[in-house]
């Protein structure tokens, strides 16, 4: 028996969780359940995290968490419990299988069978945001080498262990050369360790277009957090419906399983919701805890139910479906088919010998790190970069001088264009004079001079070279 933690969530959550548990328990799942309360009620009780400390203790003890969708209250001050759980428990890999059920669920892509593997802990989902001026806010995009190595290696291991043939990387490293550039670089490094698998890289915009148009050319796709979040929903929808898809969130110690859709409060309490997404999450859970026999029985019964045309309202189509049923009735139909296999849809068989080789991350030797400049960000309400340059000219010294000024990344001084629209957020880059060295003492002096001049410095960013390679972006147009 495996003890798991269950949260029934909000909106349609309790209904689809009851249906899901009824199915897997009828199939003989060898589980014991500890139920916890998370989500809207906890938020509104004054707990801005949406989860109590004792609930964390139960999740961490059991290490397996089956969670229904939750509602995060509108307004500021509430953090996403999904993101918090993934990051707090180190659930670095989000795995979302997206496959078609043609011809029983409508799709334009009858041969689609794609697995999206999404990095789950960092990127823009670090959630580090600041308002810096009247007109500009920022969100920090954090990409780390260990984060990249863990998710990329997981993708290749998943492909190898589950008989997939190809791993594709999506990134935007033609624009974000440092962050997405690192993700692509690590992908290429690790791909070389798996000569038995095809590998390829796509810029995310054209990759997304091809995924929407010709998904059958892809097999396993790995990508950073934001792209993966968006495109896994796209992939699930074009496969048939977001409501049919589940996901697993895998870490070194713990794992969480869920539907990919939200809590749909407008459908709550009406016996309408399709429990399939959460059921798919539960099937992923069963394979994770070594109960592949139960997972097979449930998945094949679910496929037989879909094949027999027993459909909830969201996928019901006259002429294809045979009976429109509610949440409870759908669960009963799946239970009635336990032990059966589909005839037209391909039955599943889950391997019991899957062993993922995921070595612990080992930090590489430190590179030689040299300070080579500083960006000073200034809040200034003017519009003429030449005027700003004159205002900060006294910051120049014998060793350090103003190099460029950018506004929203585009160079506006020197030789800017009057057509460039400027906000009140300016990046002023100072570089050492030829032959000179810059130190943090120089930066402190720059800051002190700026303060004396009444220049509103909102932040600084040191510029470094690692092993002689400039590790910062140029201004656009530079």
Protein backbone atom coordinates (compact mmCIF):
# COMPACT_ATOMS: atom_id res chain seq x y z
CA UNK A 1 0.00 0.00 0.00
CA UNK A 2 1.15 3.52 -0.78
CA UNK A 3 -0.05 6.41 1.34
CA UNK A 4 -0.88 9.46 -0.76
CA UNK A 5 -2.07 12.98 -0.03
CA UNK A 6 -5.28 14.16 -1.69
CA UNK A 7 -6.70 17.68 -2.00
CA UNK A 8 -10.18 18.01 -3.49
CA UNK A 9 -9.70 21.66 -4.36
CA UNK A 10 -12.32 24.20 -5.40
CA UNK A 11 -15.03 24.62 -8.02
CA UNK A 12 -15.48 21.33 -9.84
CA UNK A 13 -12.53 19.89 -7.90
CA UNK A 14 -14.48 17.87 -5.29
CA UNK A 15 -16.72 16.30 -7.95
CA UNK A 16 -13.93 15.21 -10.27
CA UNK A 17 -11.78 14.02 -7.38
CA UNK A 18 -14.61 11.88 -6.02
CA UNK A 19 -15.10 10.40 -9.49
CA UNK A 20 -11.38 9.79 -9.96
CA UNK A 21 -10.92 8.11 -6.59
CA UNK A 22 -13.99 5.96 -7.16
CA UNK A 23 -12.52 4.69 -10.43
CA UNK A 24 -8.99 3.92 -9.26
CA UNK A 25 -10.20 2.33 -6.02
CA UNK A 26 -12.68 0.17 -7.93
CA UNK A 27 -9.72 -0.92 -10.08
CA UNK A 28 -7.89 -2.05 -6.96
CA UNK A 29 -5.43 0.80 -6.44
CA UNK A 30 -3.27 -0.06 -3.46
CA UNK A 31 -3.41 3.31 -1.77
CA UNK A 32 -4.25 4.88 1.57
CA UNK A 33 -5.42 8.49 1.57
CA UNK A 34 -4.69 11.49 3.77
CA UNK A 35 -6.97 14.36 2.73
CA UNK A 36 -5.94 17.98 3.22
CA UNK A 37 -7.64 21.34 2.60
CA UNK A 38 -5.93 23.74 0.22
CA UNK A 39 -7.07 26.60 -1.97
CA UNK A 40 -9.79 29.21 -1.73
CA UNK A 41 -11.04 28.48 1.79
CA UNK A 42 -7.51 28.56 3.14
CA UNK A 43 -6.70 31.77 1.26
CA UNK A 44 -9.83 33.50 2.54
CA UNK A 45 -9.10 32.42 6.11
CA UNK A 46 -6.16 34.82 5.99
CA UNK A 47 -3.43 32.42 4.83
CA UNK A 48 -2.02 34.08 1.69
CA UNK A 49 -0.16 30.90 0.68
CA UNK A 50 -3.37 28.84 0.39
CA UNK A 51 -2.00 25.95 2.45
CA UNK A 52 -1.49 25.34 6.18
CA UNK A 53 1.81 24.25 7.69
CA UNK A 54 0.39 20.91 8.85
CA UNK A 55 -0.72 20.19 5.28
CA UNK A 56 2.83 20.73 4.07
CA UNK A 57 3.98 18.20 6.67
CA UNK A 58 1.54 15.59 5.34
CA UNK A 59 2.57 16.17 1.70
CA UNK A 60 6.25 15.95 2.56
CA UNK A 61 5.76 12.79 4.60
CA UNK A 62 3.74 10.95 1.93
CA UNK A 63 5.74 12.36 -1.02
CA UNK A 64 2.87 11.69 -3.47
CA UNK A 65 0.21 14.38 -3.91
CA UNK A 66 -2.96 14.08 -6.04
CA UNK A 67 -4.47 17.54 -6.32
CA UNK A 68 -7.69 18.78 -7.88
CA UNK A 69 -7.83 22.32 -9.36
CA UNK A 70 -7.99 25.21 -6.93
CA UNK A 71 -9.21 28.80 -7.08
CA UNK A 72 -6.81 31.63 -6.27
CA UNK A 73 -8.84 34.68 -5.14
CA UNK A 74 -8.73 37.75 -7.35
CA UNK A 75 -6.59 40.68 -6.25
CA UNK A 76 -3.07 41.16 -5.00
CA UNK A 77 -1.37 39.40 -2.13
CA UNK A 78 -2.18 35.81 -3.13
CA UNK A 79 0.56 33.63 -4.60
CA UNK A 80 -0.21 30.69 -6.88
CA UNK A 81 -0.26 27.53 -4.78
CA UNK A 82 0.56 25.46 -7.88
CA UNK A 83 3.78 27.40 -8.44
CA UNK A 84 4.59 27.43 -4.71
CA UNK A 85 4.14 23.66 -4.42
CA UNK A 86 6.25 22.90 -7.46
CA UNK A 87 9.10 25.11 -6.32
CA UNK A 88 8.96 24.33 -2.59
CA UNK A 89 9.10 20.58 -3.19
CA UNK A 90 11.65 20.76 -6.00
CA UNK A 91 9.21 19.41 -8.61
CA UNK A 92 11.38 20.46 -11.50
CA UNK A 93 9.79 18.42 -14.32
CA UNK A 94 6.24 18.97 -15.54
CA UNK A 95 5.21 16.15 -17.87
CA UNK A 96 2.08 16.49 -20.03
CA UNK A 97 1.20 13.75 -22.51
CA UNK A 98 -1.04 15.10 -25.30
CA UNK A 99 -2.56 12.45 -27.57
CA UNK A 100 -5.62 12.23 -29.77
CA UNK A 101 -8.67 10.04 -29.32
CA UNK A 102 -9.66 10.20 -32.99
CA UNK A 103 -12.33 9.62 -34.24
CA UNK A 104 -14.19 9.66 -30.92
CA UNK A 105 -13.09 13.12 -29.82
CA UNK A 106 -12.90 15.80 -32.47
CA UNK A 107 -9.44 16.92 -33.57
CA UNK A 108 -7.77 18.14 -36.74
CA UNK A 109 -4.71 16.04 -35.90
CA UNK A 110 -5.65 12.34 -35.69
CA UNK A 111 -2.02 11.14 -35.44
CA UNK A 112 -0.86 13.46 -32.68
CA UNK A 113 1.04 11.89 -29.76
CA UNK A 114 3.32 14.46 -28.13
CA UNK A 115 4.78 14.72 -24.64
CA UNK A 116 5.55 18.25 -23.43
CA UNK A 117 8.24 18.35 -20.75
CA UNK A 118 8.34 21.77 -19.13
CA UNK A 119 10.89 23.18 -16.71
CA UNK A 120 8.90 23.86 -13.57
CA UNK A 121 10.87 25.98 -11.10
CA UNK A 122 12.43 29.04 -12.68
CA UNK A 123 12.27 31.30 -15.77
CA UNK A 124 9.77 34.16 -15.39
CA UNK A 125 7.91 31.98 -12.88
CA UNK A 126 10.50 32.94 -10.29
CA UNK A 127 7.87 35.64 -9.75
CA UNK A 128 10.40 38.39 -9.01
CA UNK A 129 8.73 41.61 -10.12
CA UNK A 130 9.23 45.26 -9.27
CA UNK A 131 7.78 48.58 -10.28
CA UNK A 132 10.79 50.80 -10.89
CA UNK A 133 9.40 54.01 -12.34
CA UNK A 134 5.99 55.56 -12.93
CA UNK A 135 5.83 53.87 -16.31
CA UNK A 136 7.90 50.69 -16.08
CA UNK A 137 7.69 47.42 -14.19
CA UNK A 138 10.09 44.52 -14.56
CA UNK A 139 9.98 40.75 -14.18
CA UNK A 140 13.28 38.92 -13.80
CA UNK A 141 13.79 35.90 -16.04
CA UNK A 142 16.09 33.52 -14.18
CA UNK A 143 17.57 30.55 -16.01
CA UNK A 144 20.15 28.44 -14.17
CA UNK A 145 22.53 25.78 -15.42
CA UNK A 146 21.32 23.20 -12.86
CA UNK A 147 17.71 23.96 -13.82
CA UNK A 148 18.52 23.44 -17.49
CA UNK A 149 20.57 20.30 -16.95
CA UNK A 150 17.92 18.65 -14.78
CA UNK A 151 15.00 19.23 -17.15
CA UNK A 152 16.87 18.47 -20.37
CA UNK A 153 18.32 15.26 -18.98
CA UNK A 154 14.88 14.27 -17.71
CA UNK A 155 13.48 14.78 -21.23
CA UNK A 156 16.11 12.55 -22.82
CA UNK A 157 15.75 9.90 -20.11
CA UNK A 158 11.96 9.98 -20.51
CA UNK A 159 12.27 9.53 -24.26
CA UNK A 160 14.68 6.62 -23.90
CA UNK A 161 12.73 4.82 -21.16
CA UNK A 162 9.34 5.21 -22.84
CA UNK A 163 10.42 4.23 -26.34
CA UNK A 164 10.29 7.69 -27.88
CA UNK A 165 12.53 8.51 -30.84
CA UNK A 166 13.19 12.24 -30.78
CA UNK A 167 13.61 15.14 -28.35
CA UNK A 168 12.99 18.70 -29.55
CA UNK A 169 14.04 21.87 -27.75
CA UNK A 170 12.06 25.12 -28.06
CA UNK A 171 13.73 28.39 -27.05
CA UNK A 172 14.01 32.04 -28.10
CA UNK A 173 17.78 32.29 -28.03
CA UNK A 174 17.93 34.45 -31.13
CA UNK A 175 16.65 37.28 -28.87
CA UNK A 176 17.41 36.21 -25.28
CA UNK A 177 20.95 35.10 -25.96
CA UNK A 178 21.98 34.76 -22.30
CA UNK A 179 18.96 33.04 -20.73
CA UNK A 180 17.44 31.02 -23.56
CA UNK A 181 20.95 30.76 -24.96
CA UNK A 182 21.98 28.80 -21.87
CA UNK A 183 18.96 26.50 -22.20
CA UNK A 184 19.83 25.73 -25.84
CA UNK A 185 23.52 25.28 -25.02
CA UNK A 186 22.76 22.76 -22.28
CA UNK A 187 20.35 20.93 -24.60
CA UNK A 188 23.10 20.50 -27.18
CA UNK A 189 25.57 19.32 -24.52
CA UNK A 190 23.25 16.67 -23.12
CA UNK A 191 21.89 15.60 -26.51
CA UNK A 192 25.42 14.46 -27.38
CA UNK A 193 25.17 11.88 -24.56
CA UNK A 194 22.13 10.23 -26.21
CA UNK A 195 23.23 9.22 -29.73
CA UNK A 196 20.35 6.74 -29.90
CA UNK A 197 17.83 9.58 -29.92
CA UNK A 198 17.24 12.22 -32.56
CA UNK A 199 17.47 15.79 -31.37
CA UNK A 200 16.58 19.17 -32.85
CA UNK A 201 16.06 22.79 -31.83
CA UNK A 202 13.33 25.18 -32.94
CA UNK A 203 12.90 28.87 -32.23
CA UNK A 204 9.75 28.83 -30.10
CA UNK A 205 7.57 30.98 -32.35
CA UNK A 206 7.96 28.86 -35.49
CA UNK A 207 8.06 25.75 -33.32
CA UNK A 208 4.71 26.70 -31.82
CA UNK A 209 3.32 27.29 -35.31
CA UNK A 210 4.47 23.84 -36.43
CA UNK A 211 3.09 22.26 -33.25
CA UNK A 212 -0.32 23.77 -33.98
CA UNK A 213 -0.20 22.83 -37.67
CA UNK A 214 1.74 19.55 -37.82
CA UNK A 215 2.05 18.08 -34.33
CA UNK A 216 2.76 14.61 -35.66
CA UNK A 217 6.34 15.65 -36.52
CA UNK A 218 7.12 16.02 -32.81
CA UNK A 219 7.63 13.37 -30.16
CA UNK A 220 9.03 14.79 -26.88
CA UNK A 221 9.41 18.58 -26.59
CA UNK A 222 11.39 20.18 -23.77
CA UNK A 223 11.27 23.90 -23.04
CA UNK A 224 11.56 26.58 -20.36
CA UNK A 225 8.71 27.24 -17.97
CA UNK A 226 6.62 29.95 -19.66
CA UNK A 227 6.73 28.46 -23.15
CA UNK A 228 5.94 25.04 -21.71
CA UNK A 229 2.99 26.36 -19.74
CA UNK A 230 1.44 27.99 -22.80
CA UNK A 231 2.23 25.33 -25.38
CA UNK A 232 1.22 22.35 -23.25
CA UNK A 233 -2.28 23.84 -23.08
CA UNK A 234 -2.20 24.49 -26.82
CA UNK A 235 -1.08 20.92 -27.45
CA UNK A 236 -3.78 19.48 -25.18
CA UNK A 237 -6.49 21.56 -26.86
CA UNK A 238 -5.54 20.69 -30.42
CA UNK A 239 -5.30 17.03 -29.41
CA UNK A 240 -8.95 17.16 -28.37
CA UNK A 241 -9.54 19.17 -25.21
CA UNK A 242 -7.66 20.68 -22.29
CA UNK A 243 -10.27 18.93 -20.16
CA UNK A 244 -8.88 15.53 -21.13
CA UNK A 245 -5.26 16.11 -20.14
CA UNK A 246 -3.39 15.42 -16.92
CA UNK A 247 0.12 16.15 -15.81
CA UNK A 248 2.78 14.99 -13.42
CA UNK A 249 5.20 17.21 -11.54
CA UNK A 250 8.30 15.21 -10.69
CA UNK A 251 11.10 15.97 -8.25
CA UNK A 252 13.93 14.04 -6.67
CA UNK A 253 11.89 13.37 -3.50
CA UNK A 254 8.22 14.22 -4.13
CA UNK A 255 5.71 14.24 -6.96
CA UNK A 256 2.36 15.95 -7.60
CA UNK A 257 -0.31 14.87 -10.07
CA UNK A 258 -3.17 16.99 -11.38
CA UNK A 259 -5.44 17.94 -14.26
CA UNK A 260 -4.11 20.79 -16.38
CA UNK A 261 -7.39 22.73 -16.40
CA UNK A 262 -8.71 25.13 -13.78
CA UNK A 263 -11.43 24.92 -11.15
CA UNK A 264 -14.27 26.11 -13.44
CA UNK A 265 -16.45 27.49 -10.62
CA UNK A 266 -19.34 28.19 -13.02
CA UNK A 267 -19.71 24.44 -13.56
CA UNK A 268 -19.38 23.47 -9.90
CA UNK A 269 -22.07 21.40 -8.22
CA UNK A 270 -23.95 20.59 -11.43
CA UNK A 271 -22.65 17.06 -12.13
CA UNK A 272 -21.38 18.30 -15.51
CA UNK A 273 -17.59 18.32 -15.25
CA UNK A 274 -15.43 15.87 -17.14
CA UNK A 275 -13.16 14.05 -14.64
CA UNK A 276 -10.85 12.77 -17.40
CA UNK A 277 -8.04 15.28 -16.86
CA UNK A 278 -7.68 14.45 -13.18
CA UNK A 279 -8.09 10.77 -13.96
CA UNK A 280 -5.18 11.03 -16.39
CA UNK A 281 -3.17 12.65 -13.60
CA UNK A 282 -4.09 9.76 -11.30
CA UNK A 283 -2.99 7.25 -13.94
CA UNK A 284 0.37 8.99 -14.14
CA UNK A 285 0.49 8.76 -10.34
CA UNK A 286 -0.18 5.01 -10.42
CA UNK A 287 2.67 4.41 -12.83
CA UNK A 288 4.93 6.59 -10.65
CA UNK A 289 4.25 4.49 -7.53
CA UNK A 290 4.79 1.22 -9.35
CA UNK A 291 1.16 0.18 -9.83
CA UNK A 292 1.31 -0.14 -13.60
CA UNK A 293 -1.19 -3.01 -13.52
CA UNK A 294 -3.87 -0.75 -12.04
CA UNK A 295 -2.90 2.13 -14.33
CA UNK A 296 -3.33 -0.13 -17.38
CA UNK A 297 -6.71 -1.36 -16.20
CA UNK A 298 -7.99 2.17 -15.60
CA UNK A 299 -6.60 3.67 -18.81
CA UNK A 300 -7.96 0.89 -20.99
CA UNK A 301 -11.38 1.15 -19.33
CA UNK A 302 -11.32 4.91 -19.88
CA UNK A 303 -10.37 4.46 -23.53
CA UNK A 304 -13.18 1.90 -23.95
CA UNK A 305 -15.64 4.37 -22.41
CA UNK A 306 -14.55 7.11 -24.82
CA UNK A 307 -14.67 4.63 -27.71
CA UNK A 308 -18.21 3.57 -26.75
CA UNK A 309 -19.32 7.19 -27.08
CA UNK A 310 -20.06 7.73 -23.39
CA UNK A 311 -19.13 11.41 -23.19
CA UNK A 312 -19.59 14.39 -20.93
CA UNK A 313 -21.03 17.59 -22.40
CA UNK A 314 -17.65 19.18 -23.24
CA UNK A 315 -16.72 16.54 -25.84
CA UNK A 316 -20.21 15.32 -26.80
CA UNK A 317 -20.90 15.51 -30.55
CA UNK A 318 -24.10 14.30 -32.22
CA UNK A 319 -23.36 11.45 -34.58
CA UNK A 320 -20.16 10.49 -32.81
CA UNK A 321 -21.16 10.29 -29.16
CA UNK A 322 -23.85 7.82 -28.11
CA UNK A 323 -24.75 9.10 -24.65
CA UNK A 324 -24.28 12.39 -22.81
CA UNK A 325 -23.53 11.76 -19.16
CA UNK A 326 -22.61 13.68 -16.03
CA UNK A 327 -19.55 13.41 -13.84
CA UNK A 328 -20.85 10.56 -11.66
CA UNK A 329 -22.32 8.64 -14.59
CA UNK A 330 -19.07 8.89 -16.53
CA UNK A 331 -17.18 7.43 -13.57
CA UNK A 332 -19.72 4.63 -13.32
CA UNK A 333 -19.27 3.90 -17.03
CA UNK A 334 -15.50 3.62 -16.64
CA UNK A 335 -15.90 1.37 -13.60
CA UNK A 336 -18.27 -0.87 -15.54
CA UNK A 337 -15.58 -1.34 -18.21
CA UNK A 338 -12.70 -2.20 -15.89
CA UNK A 339 -11.04 -5.30 -17.33
CA UNK A 340 -12.06 -4.38 -20.89
CA UNK A 341 -9.81 -2.96 -23.60
CA UNK A 342 -10.64 -0.66 -26.52
CA UNK A 343 -11.07 -2.10 -29.99
CA UNK A 344 -10.38 0.87 -32.28
CA UNK A 345 -8.24 2.96 -29.96
CA UNK A 346 -4.86 1.47 -29.15
CA UNK A 347 -4.81 -0.33 -25.77
CA UNK A 348 -2.05 0.70 -23.39
CA UNK A 349 0.58 -1.38 -21.73
CA UNK A 350 2.87 0.26 -19.19
CA UNK A 351 6.41 -1.03 -18.76
CA UNK A 352 7.37 -2.06 -15.24
CA UNK A 353 11.12 -1.77 -15.77
CA UNK A 354 11.43 2.00 -16.30
CA UNK A 355 14.58 3.28 -14.62
CA UNK A 356 15.39 6.94 -15.05
CA UNK A 357 19.12 7.64 -14.82
CA UNK A 358 19.13 11.12 -13.30
CA UNK A 359 22.47 11.84 -11.65
CA UNK A 360 22.68 14.52 -9.01
CA UNK A 361 23.75 17.86 -10.42
CA UNK A 362 27.45 18.52 -9.96
CA UNK A 363 28.66 22.10 -10.03
CA UNK A 364 31.32 22.77 -12.62
CA UNK A 365 34.63 24.50 -11.79
CA UNK A 366 34.15 28.22 -11.38
CA UNK A 367 35.04 30.36 -14.39
CA UNK A 368 37.35 33.37 -14.17
CA UNK A 369 34.94 36.23 -13.46
CA UNK A 370 35.95 39.80 -14.31
CA UNK A 371 33.99 42.99 -13.67
CA UNK A 372 33.95 44.92 -16.96
CA UNK A 373 31.32 47.62 -16.47
CA UNK A 374 28.07 48.59 -14.85
CA UNK A 375 24.57 49.47 -15.96
CA UNK A 376 22.97 52.21 -13.89
CA UNK A 377 19.21 52.40 -14.30
CA UNK A 378 17.71 55.85 -13.89
CA UNK A 379 14.17 57.14 -13.37
CA UNK A 380 13.97 60.33 -15.42
CA UNK A 381 10.87 61.95 -16.89
CA UNK A 382 12.58 63.63 -19.83
CA UNK A 383 12.47 62.39 -23.40
CA UNK A 384 15.78 63.54 -24.92
CA UNK A 385 18.61 61.08 -24.32
CA UNK A 386 21.18 63.73 -25.19
CA UNK A 387 19.84 65.88 -22.36
CA UNK A 388 20.10 62.93 -19.95
CA UNK A 389 23.66 62.27 -21.11
CA UNK A 390 24.58 65.85 -20.31
CA UNK A 391 22.91 65.53 -16.90
CA UNK A 392 24.95 62.48 -15.92
CA UNK A 393 28.18 63.53 -17.65
CA UNK A 394 29.76 64.47 -14.27
CA UNK A 395 29.67 60.74 -13.41
CA UNK A 396 32.51 60.19 -15.89
CA UNK A 397 35.90 59.79 -14.35
CA UNK A 398 39.47 59.08 -15.36
CA UNK A 399 38.82 55.33 -15.43
CA UNK A 400 35.11 54.96 -16.22
CA UNK A 401 32.95 56.77 -18.78
CA UNK A 402 29.39 56.65 -20.11
CA UNK A 403 29.23 54.22 -23.05
CA UNK A 404 25.59 54.11 -24.15
CA UNK A 405 22.11 54.91 -22.95
CA UNK A 406 19.21 52.61 -23.80
CA UNK A 407 15.49 52.88 -23.24
CA UNK A 408 13.58 49.61 -23.05
CA UNK A 409 16.69 47.96 -24.50
CA UNK A 410 17.09 50.11 -27.63
CA UNK A 411 20.13 52.38 -27.94
CA UNK A 412 19.12 56.06 -27.79
CA UNK A 413 22.54 57.62 -27.10
CA UNK A 414 24.83 58.21 -28.83
CA UNK A 415 23.34 58.45 -32.32
CA UNK A 416 19.78 57.67 -31.34
CA UNK A 417 16.75 58.30 -33.55
CA UNK A 418 14.13 60.93 -32.68
CA UNK A 419 11.44 58.44 -33.76
CA UNK A 420 12.25 56.08 -30.86
CA UNK A 421 9.61 56.35 -28.15
CA UNK A 422 11.12 56.63 -24.69
CA UNK A 423 9.61 55.91 -21.30
CA UNK A 424 10.94 57.20 -17.96
CA UNK A 425 13.23 54.17 -17.49
CA UNK A 426 16.81 54.59 -18.75
CA UNK A 427 19.80 52.26 -18.73
CA UNK A 428 23.11 54.13 -18.59
CA UNK A 429 26.09 51.87 -19.27
CA UNK A 430 29.50 52.80 -17.92
CA UNK A 431 32.59 51.03 -19.22
CA UNK A 432 36.26 51.44 -18.30
CA UNK A 433 38.41 53.78 -20.35
CA UNK A 434 40.91 51.93 -22.58
CA UNK A 435 43.51 50.20 -20.46
CA UNK A 436 41.76 50.96 -17.17
CA UNK A 437 40.09 48.51 -14.82
CA UNK A 438 36.74 48.98 -13.12
CA UNK A 439 36.19 47.92 -9.53
CA UNK A 440 33.23 47.94 -7.20
CA UNK A 441 34.80 51.01 -5.61
CA UNK A 442 34.27 52.81 -8.93
CA UNK A 443 30.60 51.77 -8.87
CA UNK A 444 30.20 53.11 -5.35
CA UNK A 445 31.73 56.40 -6.49
CA UNK A 446 29.33 56.53 -9.46
CA UNK A 447 26.40 55.98 -7.11
CA UNK A 448 27.58 58.65 -4.70
CA UNK A 449 28.09 61.19 -7.50
CA UNK A 450 24.65 60.38 -8.88
CA UNK A 451 23.14 60.97 -5.46
CA UNK A 452 24.93 64.31 -5.18
CA UNK A 453 23.60 65.32 -8.61
CA UNK A 454 20.04 64.36 -7.71
CA UNK A 455 19.95 61.54 -10.29
CA UNK A 456 17.32 58.97 -9.28
CA UNK A 457 19.14 55.64 -9.56
CA UNK A 458 16.66 52.78 -9.24
CA UNK A 459 19.07 49.86 -9.58
CA UNK A 460 22.46 48.82 -10.88
CA UNK A 461 23.55 45.71 -12.73
CA UNK A 462 27.21 44.72 -12.79
CA UNK A 463 28.61 43.62 -16.15
CA UNK A 464 30.87 40.59 -16.10
CA UNK A 465 33.03 38.52 -18.40
CA UNK A 466 33.41 34.81 -17.64
CA UNK A 467 36.64 33.29 -18.92
CA UNK A 468 36.99 36.34 -21.12
CA UNK A 469 33.50 36.04 -22.66
CA UNK A 470 31.19 39.01 -22.26
CA UNK A 471 28.18 37.74 -20.30
CA UNK A 472 25.65 40.53 -20.83
CA UNK A 473 23.44 41.73 -23.65
CA UNK A 474 24.31 44.59 -25.96
CA UNK A 475 21.85 47.39 -26.49
CA UNK A 476 19.60 46.85 -29.49
CA UNK A 477 21.12 48.79 -32.33
CA UNK A 478 24.56 48.79 -30.75
